[in-house]
N, C-alpha and C. Protein backbone atom coordinates (compact mmCIF):
# COMPACT_ATOMS: atom_id res chain seq x y z
N MET A 1 61.74 179.14 100.04
CA MET A 1 62.11 178.18 99.02
C MET A 1 63.61 178.23 98.73
N LYS A 2 64.20 179.44 98.74
CA LYS A 2 65.62 179.60 98.47
C LYS A 2 66.47 178.94 99.56
N VAL A 3 66.05 179.04 100.80
CA VAL A 3 66.76 178.41 101.91
C VAL A 3 66.79 176.90 101.72
N PHE A 4 65.68 176.34 101.30
CA PHE A 4 65.59 174.90 101.05
C PHE A 4 66.55 174.49 99.93
N LYS A 5 66.61 175.30 98.86
CA LYS A 5 67.52 175.02 97.75
C LYS A 5 68.97 175.05 98.21
N ASN A 6 69.32 176.05 99.02
CA ASN A 6 70.69 176.16 99.54
C ASN A 6 71.03 174.97 100.42
N ARG A 7 70.09 174.55 101.24
CA ARG A 7 70.31 173.40 102.13
C ARG A 7 70.50 172.13 101.30
N CYS A 8 69.72 171.99 100.24
CA CYS A 8 69.87 170.82 99.37
C CYS A 8 71.24 170.81 98.70
N PHE A 9 71.71 171.99 98.28
CA PHE A 9 73.03 172.10 97.67
C PHE A 9 74.11 171.65 98.64
N ILE A 10 74.02 172.11 99.88
CA ILE A 10 75.02 171.75 100.90
C ILE A 10 74.97 170.25 101.18
N ILE A 11 73.79 169.69 101.26
CA ILE A 11 73.65 168.25 101.51
C ILE A 11 74.20 167.46 100.32
N LYS A 12 73.86 167.89 99.12
CA LYS A 12 74.30 167.17 97.92
C LYS A 12 75.82 167.18 97.77
N TYR A 13 76.45 168.29 98.13
CA TYR A 13 77.89 168.46 97.93
C TYR A 13 78.68 168.47 99.24
N THR A 14 78.18 167.80 100.26
CA THR A 14 78.81 167.81 101.58
C THR A 14 80.27 167.38 101.53
N LYS A 15 80.56 166.27 100.87
CA LYS A 15 81.94 165.77 100.82
C LYS A 15 82.87 166.74 100.10
N SER A 16 82.41 167.29 98.99
CA SER A 16 83.23 168.23 98.24
C SER A 16 83.47 169.51 99.04
N ILE A 17 82.44 169.98 99.71
CA ILE A 17 82.57 171.21 100.52
C ILE A 17 83.54 170.99 101.67
N LEU A 18 83.41 169.85 102.35
CA LEU A 18 84.33 169.55 103.46
C LEU A 18 85.76 169.42 102.96
N TRP A 19 85.93 168.78 101.81
CA TRP A 19 87.29 168.63 101.26
C TRP A 19 87.84 170.00 100.85
N ALA A 20 87.00 170.86 100.28
CA ALA A 20 87.43 172.21 99.90
C ALA A 20 87.85 173.01 101.14
N LEU A 21 87.13 172.83 102.24
CA LEU A 21 87.50 173.51 103.49
C LEU A 21 88.82 172.98 104.03
N LEU A 22 89.05 171.68 103.91
CA LEU A 22 90.33 171.11 104.32
C LEU A 22 91.47 171.68 103.46
N ILE A 23 91.25 171.77 102.16
CA ILE A 23 92.24 172.36 101.27
C ILE A 23 92.51 173.81 101.67
N LEU A 24 91.45 174.56 101.97
CA LEU A 24 91.61 175.94 102.41
C LEU A 24 92.49 176.02 103.65
N TYR A 25 92.19 175.18 104.63
CA TYR A 25 92.99 175.17 105.86
C TYR A 25 94.45 174.82 105.57
N LEU A 26 94.66 173.74 104.83
CA LEU A 26 96.03 173.31 104.54
C LEU A 26 96.78 174.33 103.69
N SER A 27 96.06 175.06 102.86
CA SER A 27 96.69 176.07 102.01
C SER A 27 97.12 177.30 102.78
N LEU A 28 96.39 177.63 103.83
CA LEU A 28 96.67 178.88 104.55
C LEU A 28 97.36 178.67 105.90
N ALA A 29 97.38 177.44 106.39
CA ALA A 29 98.01 177.17 107.69
C ALA A 29 99.52 177.25 107.57
N ASN A 30 100.16 177.62 108.67
CA ASN A 30 101.61 177.64 108.71
C ASN A 30 102.09 176.27 109.17
N LEU A 31 102.43 175.43 108.21
CA LEU A 31 102.85 174.07 108.51
C LEU A 31 104.37 173.93 108.58
N ASN A 32 105.10 175.03 108.38
CA ASN A 32 106.56 174.98 108.36
C ASN A 32 107.14 174.61 109.71
N ASP A 33 106.47 174.97 110.81
CA ASP A 33 106.99 174.69 112.15
C ASP A 33 106.54 173.35 112.69
N ASN A 34 105.76 172.61 111.95
CA ASN A 34 105.24 171.32 112.40
C ASN A 34 106.29 170.23 112.12
N GLU A 35 106.82 169.63 113.19
CA GLU A 35 107.88 168.63 113.05
C GLU A 35 107.42 167.40 112.28
N LEU A 36 106.22 166.95 112.53
CA LEU A 36 105.70 165.77 111.83
C LEU A 36 105.64 166.02 110.32
N VAL A 37 105.16 167.19 109.94
CA VAL A 37 105.08 167.53 108.52
C VAL A 37 106.48 167.60 107.92
N ASN A 38 107.42 168.22 108.64
CA ASN A 38 108.79 168.33 108.13
C ASN A 38 109.46 166.98 107.96
N GLU A 39 109.13 166.00 108.80
CA GLU A 39 109.71 164.67 108.68
C GLU A 39 109.19 163.92 107.47
N LEU A 40 108.00 164.26 107.01
CA LEU A 40 107.40 163.58 105.87
C LEU A 40 107.94 164.07 104.52
N PHE A 41 108.62 165.20 104.53
CA PHE A 41 109.06 165.79 103.27
C PHE A 41 110.26 165.08 102.66
N PHE A 42 110.22 164.90 101.37
CA PHE A 42 111.34 164.47 100.56
C PHE A 42 111.22 165.30 99.28
N PRO A 43 112.22 165.29 98.42
CA PRO A 43 112.14 166.16 97.22
C PRO A 43 110.82 165.96 96.45
N TYR A 44 110.16 167.03 96.21
CA TYR A 44 108.91 167.10 95.44
C TYR A 44 107.72 166.42 96.12
N SER A 45 107.83 166.10 97.40
CA SER A 45 106.70 165.48 98.09
C SER A 45 105.50 166.41 98.15
N ASP A 46 105.76 167.72 98.21
CA ASP A 46 104.63 168.65 98.24
C ASP A 46 103.87 168.63 96.92
N LYS A 47 104.57 168.42 95.81
CA LYS A 47 103.89 168.36 94.51
C LYS A 47 103.03 167.10 94.42
N ILE A 48 103.54 165.99 94.96
CA ILE A 48 102.76 164.75 95.00
C ILE A 48 101.52 164.95 95.86
N ALA A 49 101.69 165.66 96.98
CA ALA A 49 100.54 165.95 97.84
C ALA A 49 99.51 166.80 97.11
N HIS A 50 99.97 167.81 96.37
CA HIS A 50 99.05 168.66 95.59
C HIS A 50 98.28 167.82 94.58
N ILE A 51 98.97 166.95 93.87
CA ILE A 51 98.31 166.09 92.89
C ILE A 51 97.24 165.24 93.57
N GLY A 52 97.59 164.62 94.68
CA GLY A 52 96.66 163.75 95.40
C GLY A 52 95.46 164.49 95.96
N VAL A 53 95.71 165.64 96.57
CA VAL A 53 94.63 166.41 97.19
C VAL A 53 93.62 166.88 96.14
N TYR A 54 94.13 167.37 95.01
CA TYR A 54 93.22 167.87 93.97
C TYR A 54 92.60 166.74 93.16
N ALA A 55 93.25 165.58 93.10
CA ALA A 55 92.62 164.42 92.48
C ALA A 55 91.42 163.98 93.31
N ILE A 56 91.60 163.92 94.62
CA ILE A 56 90.49 163.55 95.50
C ILE A 56 89.37 164.58 95.39
N PHE A 57 89.71 165.86 95.39
CA PHE A 57 88.71 166.92 95.29
C PHE A 57 87.89 166.77 94.00
N THR A 58 88.58 166.56 92.89
CA THR A 58 87.89 166.42 91.60
C THR A 58 87.04 165.16 91.58
N PHE A 59 87.57 164.08 92.13
CA PHE A 59 86.81 162.83 92.19
C PHE A 59 85.53 163.01 93.00
N LEU A 60 85.63 163.71 94.13
CA LEU A 60 84.43 163.97 94.94
C LEU A 60 83.43 164.83 94.17
N LEU A 61 83.93 165.88 93.52
CA LEU A 61 83.04 166.72 92.73
C LEU A 61 82.34 165.91 91.64
N MET A 62 83.10 165.08 90.96
CA MET A 62 82.53 164.27 89.88
C MET A 62 81.48 163.30 90.42
N SER A 63 81.75 162.71 91.57
CA SER A 63 80.81 161.73 92.11
C SER A 63 79.53 162.38 92.63
N GLU A 64 79.61 163.63 93.05
CA GLU A 64 78.42 164.32 93.56
C GLU A 64 77.68 165.10 92.48
N TYR A 65 78.34 165.37 91.38
CA TYR A 65 77.75 166.13 90.28
C TYR A 65 77.32 165.16 89.20
N LYS A 66 76.06 165.07 88.92
CA LYS A 66 75.55 164.02 88.05
C LYS A 66 75.08 164.48 86.67
N MET A 67 75.34 165.71 86.28
CA MET A 67 74.88 166.18 84.98
C MET A 67 75.86 165.74 83.89
N LYS A 68 75.45 164.78 83.10
CA LYS A 68 76.34 164.19 82.10
C LYS A 68 76.76 165.19 81.02
N LYS A 69 75.89 166.13 80.70
CA LYS A 69 76.21 167.07 79.62
C LYS A 69 77.23 168.12 80.03
N LYS A 70 77.42 168.32 81.30
CA LYS A 70 78.34 169.36 81.78
C LYS A 70 79.43 168.76 82.67
N GLN A 71 80.05 167.68 82.21
CA GLN A 71 81.04 167.01 83.04
C GLN A 71 82.37 167.76 83.14
N LEU A 72 82.54 168.80 82.36
CA LEU A 72 83.74 169.62 82.50
C LEU A 72 83.65 170.58 83.68
N LEU A 73 82.44 170.83 84.17
CA LEU A 73 82.27 171.78 85.26
C LEU A 73 83.03 171.38 86.52
N PRO A 74 82.96 170.14 87.00
CA PRO A 74 83.75 169.78 88.19
C PRO A 74 85.25 169.96 87.97
N LEU A 75 85.74 169.64 86.78
CA LEU A 75 87.15 169.85 86.46
C LEU A 75 87.50 171.33 86.53
N PHE A 76 86.67 172.15 85.94
CA PHE A 76 86.88 173.60 85.94
C PHE A 76 86.88 174.14 87.37
N ILE A 77 85.94 173.69 88.19
CA ILE A 77 85.85 174.15 89.58
C ILE A 77 87.13 173.79 90.33
N ALA A 78 87.61 172.56 90.18
CA ALA A 78 88.82 172.14 90.89
C ALA A 78 90.04 172.95 90.45
N ILE A 79 90.18 173.19 89.17
CA ILE A 79 91.33 173.95 88.67
C ILE A 79 91.27 175.39 89.16
N VAL A 80 90.12 176.01 89.05
CA VAL A 80 89.98 177.40 89.50
C VAL A 80 90.22 177.50 91.00
N TYR A 81 89.73 176.54 91.77
CA TYR A 81 89.94 176.53 93.21
C TYR A 81 91.43 176.40 93.54
N GLY A 82 92.13 175.56 92.79
CA GLY A 82 93.57 175.40 93.00
C GLY A 82 94.33 176.69 92.72
N VAL A 83 93.97 177.37 91.66
CA VAL A 83 94.60 178.66 91.34
C VAL A 83 94.26 179.68 92.42
N LEU A 84 93.00 179.72 92.83
CA LEU A 84 92.57 180.65 93.87
C LEU A 84 93.34 180.43 95.17
N MET A 85 93.55 179.19 95.55
CA MET A 85 94.28 178.90 96.79
C MET A 85 95.72 179.42 96.71
N GLU A 86 96.34 179.31 95.56
CA GLU A 86 97.71 179.83 95.42
C GLU A 86 97.73 181.35 95.54
N PHE A 87 96.75 182.02 94.95
CA PHE A 87 96.69 183.48 95.08
C PHE A 87 96.37 183.90 96.51
N LEU A 88 95.52 183.14 97.19
CA LEU A 88 95.22 183.46 98.59
C LEU A 88 96.45 183.28 99.47
N GLN A 89 97.26 182.27 99.20
CA GLN A 89 98.50 182.09 99.95
C GLN A 89 99.39 183.32 99.80
N TYR A 90 99.47 183.83 98.59
CA TYR A 90 100.30 185.01 98.32
C TYR A 90 99.73 186.25 99.00
N ALA A 91 98.40 186.40 98.93
CA ALA A 91 97.76 187.62 99.41
C ALA A 91 97.56 187.65 100.92
N LEU A 92 97.32 186.51 101.55
CA LEU A 92 96.90 186.49 102.95
C LEU A 92 97.96 186.01 103.93
N THR A 93 99.06 185.45 103.44
CA THR A 93 100.06 184.93 104.37
C THR A 93 101.43 185.52 104.06
N THR A 94 102.29 185.47 105.06
CA THR A 94 103.69 185.88 104.86
C THR A 94 104.60 184.66 104.82
N TYR A 95 104.07 183.50 105.14
CA TYR A 95 104.87 182.27 105.22
C TYR A 95 104.59 181.32 104.07
N ARG A 96 103.72 181.71 103.15
CA ARG A 96 103.41 180.92 101.95
C ARG A 96 103.60 181.81 100.74
N SER A 97 103.76 181.18 99.58
CA SER A 97 103.93 181.96 98.36
C SER A 97 103.14 181.32 97.22
N LEU A 98 102.95 182.09 96.18
CA LEU A 98 102.30 181.60 94.98
C LEU A 98 103.34 180.84 94.17
N GLU A 99 103.07 179.57 93.89
CA GLU A 99 104.02 178.76 93.12
C GLU A 99 103.33 178.20 91.89
N LEU A 100 103.90 178.50 90.73
CA LEU A 100 103.32 178.02 89.48
C LEU A 100 103.35 176.50 89.39
N PHE A 101 104.38 175.88 89.95
CA PHE A 101 104.44 174.41 89.91
C PHE A 101 103.38 173.78 90.82
N ASP A 102 102.97 174.49 91.86
CA ASP A 102 101.85 174.00 92.67
C ASP A 102 100.56 174.05 91.86
N ILE A 103 100.37 175.14 91.12
CA ILE A 103 99.19 175.25 90.25
C ILE A 103 99.21 174.12 89.22
N LEU A 104 100.38 173.85 88.66
CA LEU A 104 100.50 172.77 87.68
C LEU A 104 100.18 171.42 88.32
N ALA A 105 100.69 171.18 89.53
CA ALA A 105 100.42 169.91 90.23
C ALA A 105 98.93 169.78 90.55
N ASN A 106 98.30 170.87 90.99
CA ASN A 106 96.86 170.86 91.26
C ASN A 106 96.09 170.49 90.00
N THR A 107 96.48 171.09 88.89
CA THR A 107 95.81 170.86 87.62
C THR A 107 96.01 169.43 87.13
N ILE A 108 97.21 168.91 87.30
CA ILE A 108 97.48 167.51 86.91
C ILE A 108 96.61 166.57 87.73
N GLY A 109 96.52 166.81 89.02
CA GLY A 109 95.68 165.97 89.87
C GLY A 109 94.22 166.03 89.46
N ALA A 110 93.75 167.23 89.15
CA ALA A 110 92.36 167.40 88.74
C ALA A 110 92.09 166.68 87.41
N PHE A 111 92.98 166.87 86.43
CA PHE A 111 92.80 166.20 85.14
C PHE A 111 92.87 164.69 85.28
N ALA A 112 93.80 164.19 86.08
CA ALA A 112 93.94 162.74 86.25
C ALA A 112 92.65 162.15 86.83
N ALA A 113 92.13 162.75 87.88
CA ALA A 113 90.90 162.24 88.49
C ALA A 113 89.73 162.36 87.54
N TRP A 114 89.63 163.46 86.83
CA TRP A 114 88.55 163.66 85.87
C TRP A 114 88.58 162.58 84.79
N TYR A 115 89.76 162.32 84.28
CA TYR A 115 89.92 161.31 83.23
C TYR A 115 89.57 159.91 83.75
N ILE A 116 90.11 159.56 84.89
CA ILE A 116 89.85 158.25 85.48
C ILE A 116 88.37 158.08 85.79
N TYR A 117 87.76 159.11 86.35
CA TYR A 117 86.33 159.02 86.67
C TYR A 117 85.50 158.83 85.41
N LYS A 118 85.79 159.63 84.38
CA LYS A 118 85.03 159.52 83.13
C LYS A 118 85.24 158.16 82.48
N LYS A 119 86.44 157.65 82.51
CA LYS A 119 86.75 156.39 81.84
C LYS A 119 86.20 155.18 82.58
N TYR A 120 86.27 155.18 83.90
CA TYR A 120 85.95 153.97 84.65
C TYR A 120 84.67 154.03 85.48
N PHE A 121 84.14 155.22 85.73
CA PHE A 121 83.00 155.32 86.66
C PHE A 121 81.73 155.88 86.04
N THR A 122 81.79 156.55 84.92
CA THR A 122 80.57 157.16 84.36
C THR A 122 79.68 156.16 83.65
N ASN A 123 80.23 155.05 83.21
CA ASN A 123 79.42 154.07 82.48
C ASN A 123 78.94 152.93 83.36
N LEU A 124 79.23 152.97 84.64
CA LEU A 124 78.77 151.92 85.53
C LEU A 124 77.28 152.07 85.78
N LYS A 125 76.61 150.96 85.76
CA LYS A 125 75.16 150.98 86.01
C LYS A 125 74.91 150.56 87.46
N PRO A 126 74.00 151.24 88.13
CA PRO A 126 73.70 150.84 89.51
C PRO A 126 73.08 149.46 89.57
N HIS A 127 73.36 148.73 90.63
CA HIS A 127 72.83 147.37 90.80
C HIS A 127 71.39 147.42 91.25
């Protein structure tokens, strides 16, 4: 029975799990030597990317999590995951560092998506 429950969890949260794995990869990969990535950079572009990535993550969590009474949980998960990724960068890599402004950008993205989802998507009725 427990295996079935775990499988249902994975199926229910497939998009969020895949996005979390993408965040994990992007957080720990050495992207400094990638010419394409370097060409895309402009001042603070990484902060905009953090906001966008965590907004999408939170939006996916909100869309897959349907418990109305605990709508802060997806926000909490996204914020904690963002903080965890920064600490993992510090602990597991020599080419990445823990940046407080990255944590702030992650949190801003999570809050923005949470707010937008609650305001515009929670009251929609299915057709």
